[in-house]
PDB file of N, CA and C in Angstrom:
ATOM      1  N   MET A   1      59.082  16.999 -37.037  1.00  0.00           N
ATOM      2  CA  MET A   1      58.791  16.235 -38.244  1.00  0.00           C
ATOM      3  C   MET A   1      57.455  15.511 -38.072  1.00  0.00           C
ATOM      4  N   SER A   2      56.581  15.649 -39.033  1.00  0.00           N
ATOM      5  CA  SER A   2      55.262  15.031 -38.986  1.00  0.00           C
ATOM      6  C   SER A   2      55.328  13.575 -39.458  1.00  0.00           C
ATOM      7  N   THR A   3      54.454  12.737 -38.889  1.00  0.00           N
ATOM      8  CA  THR A   3      54.409  11.335 -39.320  1.00  0.00           C
ATOM      9  C   THR A   3      53.478  11.147 -40.508  1.00  0.00           C
ATOM     10  N   LEU A   4      52.675  12.151 -40.808  1.00  0.00           N
ATOM     11  CA  LEU A   4      51.771  12.052 -41.952  1.00  0.00           C
ATOM     12  C   LEU A   4      52.538  12.344 -43.244  1.00  0.00           C
ATOM     13  N   PRO A   5      52.138  11.685 -44.323  1.00  0.00           N
ATOM     14  CA  PRO A   5      52.814  11.936 -45.601  1.00  0.00           C
ATOM     15  C   PRO A   5      52.436  13.297 -46.176  1.00  0.00           C
ATOM     16  N   ASP A   6      53.208  13.714 -47.128  1.00  0.00           N
ATOM     17  CA  ASP A   6      52.986  14.982 -47.816  1.00  0.00           C
ATOM     18  C   ASP A   6      51.709  14.876 -48.651  1.00  0.00           C
ATOM     19  N   PRO A   7      50.715  15.763 -48.430  1.00  0.00           N
ATOM     20  CA  PRO A   7      49.447  15.667 -49.165  1.00  0.00           C
ATOM     21  C   PRO A   7      49.580  15.859 -50.670  1.00  0.00           C
ATOM     22  N   SER A   8      50.674  16.418 -51.118  1.00  0.00           N
ATOM     23  CA  SER A   8      50.836  16.646 -52.553  1.00  0.00           C
ATOM     24  C   SER A   8      51.286  15.375 -53.277  1.00  0.00           C
ATOM     25  N   GLN A   9      51.584  14.311 -52.536  1.00  0.00           N
ATOM     26  CA  GLN A   9      52.030  13.058 -53.148  1.00  0.00           C
ATOM     27  C   GLN A   9      51.044  11.935 -52.800  1.00  0.00           C
ATOM     28  N   PRO A  10      50.050  11.700 -53.667  1.00  0.00           N
ATOM     29  CA  PRO A  10      49.006  10.721 -53.373  1.00  0.00           C
ATOM     30  C   PRO A  10      49.545   9.306 -53.131  1.00  0.00           C
ATOM     31  N   ASN A  11      50.599   8.907 -53.825  1.00  0.00           N
ATOM     32  CA  ASN A  11      51.132   7.562 -53.625  1.00  0.00           C
ATOM     33  C   ASN A  11      51.631   7.360 -52.204  1.00  0.00           C
ATOM     34  N   ARG A  12      52.187   8.405 -51.625  1.00  0.00           N
ATOM     35  CA  ARG A  12      52.653   8.306 -50.237  1.00  0.00           C
ATOM     36  C   ARG A  12      51.476   8.101 -49.293  1.00  0.00           C
ATOM     37  N   TRP A  13      50.355   8.766 -49.605  1.00  0.00           N
ATOM     38  CA  TRP A  13      49.159   8.570 -48.776  1.00  0.00           C
ATOM     39  C   TRP A  13      48.704   7.118 -48.848  1.00  0.00           C
ATOM     40  N   LEU A  14      48.707   6.557 -50.047  1.00  0.00           N
ATOM     41  CA  LEU A  14      48.279   5.164 -50.189  1.00  0.00           C
ATOM     42  C   LEU A  14      49.217   4.214 -49.445  1.00  0.00           C
ATOM     43  N   GLN A  15      50.512   4.471 -49.536  1.00  0.00           N
ATOM     44  CA  GLN A  15      51.470   3.625 -48.831  1.00  0.00           C
ATOM     45  C   GLN A  15      51.266   3.705 -47.321  1.00  0.00           C
ATOM     46  N   TRP A  16      50.779   4.807 -46.843  1.00  0.00           N
ATOM     47  CA  TRP A  16      50.556   4.994 -45.415  1.00  0.00           C
ATOM     48  C   TRP A  16      49.192   4.449 -44.992  1.00  0.00           C
ATOM     49  N   LEU A  17      48.201   4.625 -45.872  1.00  0.00           N
ATOM     50  CA  LEU A  17      46.825   4.296 -45.526  1.00  0.00           C
ATOM     51  C   LEU A  17      46.481   2.817 -45.723  1.00  0.00           C
ATOM     52  N   LEU A  18      46.986   2.181 -46.763  1.00  0.00           N
ATOM     53  CA  LEU A  18      46.612   0.802 -47.052  1.00  0.00           C
ATOM     54  C   LEU A  18      46.942  -0.187 -45.924  1.00  0.00           C
ATOM     55  N   PRO A  19      48.109  -0.120 -45.309  1.00  0.00           N
ATOM     56  CA  PRO A  19      48.357  -1.036 -44.187  1.00  0.00           C
ATOM     57  C   PRO A  19      47.390  -0.819 -43.020  1.00  0.00           C
ATOM     58  N   LEU A  20      47.008   0.429 -42.779  1.00  0.00           N
ATOM     59  CA  LEU A  20      46.038   0.707 -41.719  1.00  0.00           C
ATOM     60  C   LEU A  20      44.674   0.112 -42.054  1.00  0.00           C
ATOM     61  N   LEU A  21      44.260   0.259 -43.312  1.00  0.00           N
ATOM     62  CA  LEU A  21      42.985  -0.328 -43.730  1.00  0.00           C
ATOM     63  C   LEU A  21      43.019  -1.853 -43.626  1.00  0.00           C
ATOM     64  N   GLY A  22      44.134  -2.445 -44.011  1.00  0.00           N
ATOM     65  CA  GLY A  22      44.284  -3.894 -43.903  1.00  0.00           C
ATOM     66  C   GLY A  22      44.194  -4.357 -42.462  1.00  0.00           C
ATOM     67  N   ALA A  23      44.852  -3.654 -41.560  1.00  0.00           N
ATOM     68  CA  ALA A  23      44.804  -4.014 -40.138  1.00  0.00           C
ATOM     69  C   ALA A  23      43.400  -3.846 -39.590  1.00  0.00           C
ATOM     70  N   ALA A  24      42.710  -2.793 -40.022  1.00  0.00           N
ATOM     71  CA  ALA A  24      41.334  -2.583 -39.564  1.00  0.00           C
ATOM     72  C   ALA A  24      40.421  -3.699 -40.067  1.00  0.00           C
ATOM     73  N   MET A  25      40.610  -4.141 -41.295  1.00  0.00           N
ATOM     74  CA  MET A  25      39.794  -5.226 -41.840  1.00  0.00           C
ATOM     75  C   MET A  25      40.054  -6.538 -41.101  1.00  0.00           C
ATOM     76  N   ILE A  26      41.306  -6.805 -40.777  1.00  0.00           N
ATOM     77  CA  ILE A  26      41.643  -8.023 -40.038  1.00  0.00           C
ATOM     78  C   ILE A  26      41.009  -7.973 -38.648  1.00  0.00           C
ATOM     79  N   ALA A  27      41.102  -6.823 -37.991  1.00  0.00           N
ATOM     80  CA  ALA A  27      40.512  -6.682 -36.657  1.00  0.00           C
ATOM     81  C   ALA A  27      38.998  -6.838 -36.718  1.00  0.00           C
ATOM     82  N   TRP A  28      38.363  -6.254 -37.731  1.00  0.00           N
ATOM     83  CA  TRP A  28      36.912  -6.379 -37.871  1.00  0.00           C
ATOM     84  C   TRP A  28      36.521  -7.834 -38.110  1.00  0.00           C
ATOM     85  N   GLY A  29      37.247  -8.525 -38.975  1.00  0.00           N
ATOM     86  CA  GLY A  29      36.953  -9.933 -39.244  1.00  0.00           C
ATOM     87  C   GLY A  29      37.113 -10.788 -38.002  1.00  0.00           C
ATOM     88  N   ALA A  30      38.147 -10.522 -37.227  1.00  0.00           N
ATOM     89  CA  ALA A  30      38.353 -11.284 -35.984  1.00  0.00           C
ATOM     90  C   ALA A  30      37.225 -11.027 -35.000  1.00  0.00           C
ATOM     91  N   SER A  31      36.779  -9.799 -34.913  1.00  0.00           N
ATOM     92  CA  SER A  31      35.689  -9.493 -33.978  1.00  0.00           C
ATOM     93  C   SER A  31      34.396 -10.169 -34.434  1.00  0.00           C
ATOM     94  N   GLN A  32      34.159 -10.220 -35.740  1.00  0.00           N
ATOM     95  CA  GLN A  32      32.959 -10.883 -36.235  1.00  0.00           C
ATOM     96  C   GLN A  32      33.002 -12.378 -35.957  1.00  0.00           C
ATOM     97  N   ALA A  33      34.161 -12.983 -36.141  1.00  0.00           N
ATOM     98  CA  ALA A  33      34.300 -14.412 -35.863  1.00  0.00           C
ATOM     99  C   ALA A  33      34.090 -14.681 -34.383  1.00  0.00           C
ATOM    100  N   SER A  34      34.594 -13.804 -33.545  1.00  0.00           N
ATOM    101  CA  SER A  34      34.442 -13.959 -32.100  1.00  0.00           C
ATOM    102  C   SER A  34      32.969 -13.847 -31.716  1.00  0.00           C
ATOM    103  N   LEU A  35      32.277 -12.872 -32.278  1.00  0.00           N
ATOM    104  CA  LEU A  35      30.856 -12.707 -31.983  1.00  0.00           C
ATOM    105  C   LEU A  35      30.053 -13.888 -32.490  1.00  0.00           C
ATOM    106  N   SER A  36      30.410 -14.407 -33.651  1.00  0.00           N
ATOM    107  CA  SER A  36      29.716 -15.558 -34.202  1.00  0.00           C
ATOM    108  C   SER A  36      29.889 -16.773 -33.290  1.00  0.00           C
ATOM    109  N   GLY A  37      31.101 -16.978 -32.811  1.00  0.00           N
ATOM    110  CA  GLY A  37      31.349 -18.084 -31.885  1.00  0.00           C
ATOM    111  C   GLY A  37      30.575 -17.914 -30.597  1.00  0.00           C
ATOM    112  N   LEU A  38      30.486 -16.683 -30.112  1.00  0.00           N
ATOM    113  CA  LEU A  38      29.730 -16.407 -28.895  1.00  0.00           C
ATOM    114  C   LEU A  38      28.252 -16.684 -29.114  1.00  0.00           C
ATOM    115  N   ASP A  39      27.717 -16.294 -30.269  1.00  0.00           N
ATOM    116  CA  ASP A  39      26.317 -16.569 -30.593  1.00  0.00           C
ATOM    117  C   ASP A  39      26.041 -18.068 -30.580  1.00  0.00           C
ATOM    118  N   ARG A  40      26.965 -18.854 -31.153  1.00  0.00           N
ATOM    119  CA  ARG A  40      26.772 -20.309 -31.176  1.00  0.00           C
ATOM    120  C   ARG A  40      26.787 -20.892 -29.771  1.00  0.00           C
ATOM    121  N   ARG A  41      27.685 -20.388 -28.916  1.00  0.00           N
ATOM    122  CA  ARG A  41      27.741 -20.893 -27.537  1.00  0.00           C
ATOM    123  C   ARG A  41      26.463 -20.547 -26.799  1.00  0.00           C
ATOM    124  N   VAL A  42      25.969 -19.328 -26.953  1.00  0.00           N
ATOM    125  CA  VAL A  42      24.726 -18.918 -26.296  1.00  0.00           C
ATOM    126  C   VAL A  42      23.576 -19.785 -26.787  1.00  0.00           C
ATOM    127  N   GLU A  43      23.539 -20.052 -28.083  1.00  0.00           N
ATOM    128  CA  GLU A  43      22.479 -20.882 -28.647  1.00  0.00           C
ATOM    129  C   GLU A  43      22.524 -22.300 -28.073  1.00  0.00           C
ATOM    130  N   ARG A  44      23.736 -22.868 -27.933  1.00  0.00           N
ATOM    131  CA  ARG A  44      23.850 -24.204 -27.348  1.00  0.00           C
ATOM    132  C   ARG A  44      23.364 -24.218 -25.907  1.00  0.00           C
ATOM    133  N   ILE A  45      23.712 -23.172 -25.146  1.00  0.00           N
ATOM    134  CA  ILE A  45      23.259 -23.093 -23.748  1.00  0.00           C
ATOM    135  C   ILE A  45      21.744 -22.970 -23.695  1.00  0.00           C
ATOM    136  N   GLU A  46      21.188 -22.132 -24.553  1.00  0.00           N
ATOM    137  CA  GLU A  46      19.736 -21.972 -24.583  1.00  0.00           C
ATOM    138  C   GLU A  46      19.061 -23.289 -24.962  1.00  0.00           C
ATOM    139  N   ASN A  47      19.603 -23.998 -25.934  1.00  0.00           N
ATOM    140  CA  ASN A  47      19.030 -25.279 -26.331  1.00  0.00           C
ATOM    141  C   ASN A  47      19.117 -26.292 -25.196  1.00  0.00           C
ATOM    142  N   ALA A  48      20.228 -26.292 -24.463  1.00  0.00           N
ATOM    143  CA  ALA A  48      20.370 -27.215 -23.339  1.00  0.00           C
ATOM    144  C   ALA A  48      19.348 -26.883 -22.259  1.00  0.00           C
ATOM    145  N   ASN A  49      19.173 -25.599 -21.973  1.00  0.00           N
ATOM    146  CA  ASN A  49      18.182 -25.198 -20.975  1.00  0.00           C
ATOM    147  C   ASN A  49      16.779 -25.575 -21.424  1.00  0.00           C
ATOM    148  N   LEU A  50      16.501 -25.403 -22.703  1.00  0.00           N
ATOM    149  CA  LEU A  50      15.193 -25.770 -23.240  1.00  0.00           C
ATOM    150  C   LEU A  50      14.972 -27.276 -23.121  1.00  0.00           C
ATOM    151  N   GLY A  51      16.016 -28.057 -23.415  1.00  0.00           N
ATOM    152  CA  GLY A  51      15.904 -29.509 -23.285  1.00  0.00           C
ATOM    153  C   GLY A  51      15.627 -29.929 -21.855  1.00  0.00           C
ATOM    154  N   GLU A  52      16.274 -29.279 -20.898  1.00  0.00           N
ATOM    155  CA  GLU A  52      16.029 -29.584 -19.488  1.00  0.00           C
ATOM    156  C   GLU A  52      14.594 -29.241 -19.101  1.00  0.00           C
ATOM    157  N   ARG A  53      14.124 -28.105 -19.558  1.00  0.00           N
ATOM    158  CA  ARG A  53      12.744 -27.716 -19.232  1.00  0.00           C
ATOM    159  C   ARG A  53      11.743 -28.681 -19.852  1.00  0.00           C
ATOM    160  N   LEU A  54      11.991 -29.091 -21.102  1.00  0.00           N
ATOM    161  CA  LEU A  54      11.082 -30.042 -21.741  1.00  0.00           C
ATOM    162  C   LEU A  54      11.066 -31.380 -21.012  1.00  0.00           C
ATOM    163  N   ALA A  55      12.232 -31.824 -20.566  1.00  0.00           N
ATOM    164  CA  ALA A  55      12.295 -33.081 -19.821  1.00  0.00           C
ATOM    165  C   ALA A  55      11.487 -32.963 -18.530  1.00  0.00           C
ATOM    166  N   GLY A  56      11.578 -31.812 -17.872  1.00  0.00           N
ATOM    167  CA  GLY A  56      10.798 -31.593 -16.647  1.00  0.00           C
ATOM    168  C   GLY A  56       9.309 -31.588 -16.926  1.00  0.00           C
ATOM    169  N   ILE A  57       8.906 -30.968 -18.011  1.00  0.00           N
ATOM    170  CA  ILE A  57       7.487 -30.934 -18.383  1.00  0.00           C
ATOM    171  C   ILE A  57       6.998 -32.340 -18.710  1.00  0.00           C
ATOM    172  N   GLU A  58       7.795 -33.116 -19.440  1.00  0.00           N
ATOM    173  CA  GLU A  58       7.420 -34.492 -19.766  1.00  0.00           C
ATOM    174  C   GLU A  58       7.245 -35.320 -18.494  1.00  0.00           C
ATOM    175  N   ALA A  59       8.147 -35.151 -17.542  1.00  0.00           N
ATOM    176  CA  ALA A  59       8.051 -35.902 -16.287  1.00  0.00           C
ATOM    177  C   ALA A  59       6.774 -35.522 -15.541  1.00  0.00           C
ATOM    178  N   LYS A  60       6.440 -34.242 -15.510  1.00  0.00           N
ATOM    179  CA  LYS A  60       5.211 -33.804 -14.833  1.00  0.00           C
ATOM    180  C   LYS A  60       3.972 -34.347 -15.540  1.00  0.00           C
ATOM    181  N   LEU A  61       4.004 -34.353 -16.872  1.00  0.00           N
ATOM    182  CA  LEU A  61       2.865 -34.907 -17.611  1.00  0.00           C
ATOM    183  C   LEU A  61       2.720 -36.398 -17.364  1.00  0.00           C
ATOM    184  N   ASP A  62       3.844 -37.107 -17.320  1.00  0.00           N
ATOM    185  CA  ASP A  62       3.788 -38.542 -17.022  1.00  0.00           C
ATOM    186  C   ASP A  62       3.156 -38.781 -15.657  1.00  0.00           C
ATOM    187  N   LEU A  63       3.578 -38.005 -14.655  1.00  0.00           N
ATOM    188  CA  LEU A  63       3.006 -38.161 -13.313  1.00  0.00           C
ATOM    189  C   LEU A  63       1.515 -37.855 -13.312  1.00  0.00           C
ATOM    190  N   LEU A  64       1.132 -36.800 -14.015  1.00  0.00           N
ATOM    191  CA  LEU A  64      -0.277 -36.428 -14.091  1.00  0.00           C
ATOM    192  C   LEU A  64      -1.091 -37.531 -14.762  1.00  0.00           C
ATOM    193  N   LEU A  65      -0.578 -38.053 -15.875  1.00  0.00           N
ATOM    194  CA  LEU A  65      -1.300 -39.118 -16.581  1.00  0.00           C
ATOM    195  C   LEU A  65      -1.398 -40.371 -15.719  1.00  0.00           C
ATOM    196  N   ARG A  66      -0.317 -40.742 -15.057  1.00  0.00           N
ATOM    197  CA  ARG A  66      -0.347 -41.932 -14.197  1.00  0.00           C
ATOM    198  C   ARG A  66      -1.319 -41.751 -13.043  1.00  0.00           C
ATOM    199  N   SER A  67      -1.396 -40.520 -12.496  1.00  0.00           N
ATOM    200  CA  SER A  67      -2.321 -40.272 -11.389  1.00  0.00           C
ATOM    201  C   SER A  67      -3.766 -40.360 -11.855  1.00  0.00           C
ATOM    202  N   ARG A  68      -3.997 -40.187 -13.151  1.00  0.00           N
ATOM    203  CA  ARG A  68      -5.357 -40.281 -13.713  1.00  0.00           C
ATOM    204  C   ARG A  68      -5.635 -41.674 -14.273  1.00  0.00           C
ATOM    205  N   GLY A  69      -4.682 -42.575 -14.122  1.00  0.00           N
ATOM    206  CA  GLY A  69      -4.891 -43.943 -14.584  1.00  0.00           C
ATOM    207  C   GLY A  69      -4.577 -44.171 -16.051  1.00  0.00           C
ATOM    208  N   VAL A  70      -3.916 -43.257 -16.685  1.00  0.00           N
ATOM    209  CA  VAL A  70      -3.550 -43.399 -18.094  1.00  0.00           C
ATOM    210  C   VAL A  70      -2.052 -43.658 -18.159  1.00  0.00           C
ATOM    211  N   SER A  71      -1.672 -44.721 -18.869  1.00  0.00           N
ATOM    212  CA  SER A  71      -0.228 -44.962 -18.984  1.00  0.00           C
ATOM    213  C   SER A  71       0.323 -44.112 -20.122  1.00  0.00           C
ATOM    214  N   PRO A  72       1.485 -43.535 -19.908  1.00  0.00           N
ATOM    215  CA  PRO A  72       2.079 -42.712 -20.967  1.00  0.00           C
ATOM    216  C   PRO A  72       2.328 -43.537 -22.230  1.00  0.00           C
ATOM    217  N   GLY A  73       2.105 -42.903 -23.350  1.00  0.00           N
ATOM    218  CA  GLY A  73       2.316 -43.575 -24.623  1.00  0.00           C
ATOM    219  C   GLY A  73       1.062 -44.183 -25.194  1.00  0.00           C
ATOM    220  N   GLN A  74      -0.073 -44.103 -24.487  1.00  0.00           N
ATOM    221  CA  GLN A  74      -1.327 -44.660 -25.006  1.00  0.00           C
ATOM    222  C   GLN A  74      -1.936 -43.720 -26.006  1.00  0.00           C
TER     223      GLN A  74
END
């Protein structure tokens, strides 16, 4: 006995196919949400790394300016 519906009865095909399409749409939506969340986490990490690098650059500039006799903020 085959699990596929009789091709001569279109309504049976729809009854068989629609739940599969619904499950595929739910799975696709979940994967998109997961990827979106991952993108946000990566962006936060990149921003944190950028902030650390900027703080390091600011500290080096402050040292350079102080070594030249210029106080930062002038």
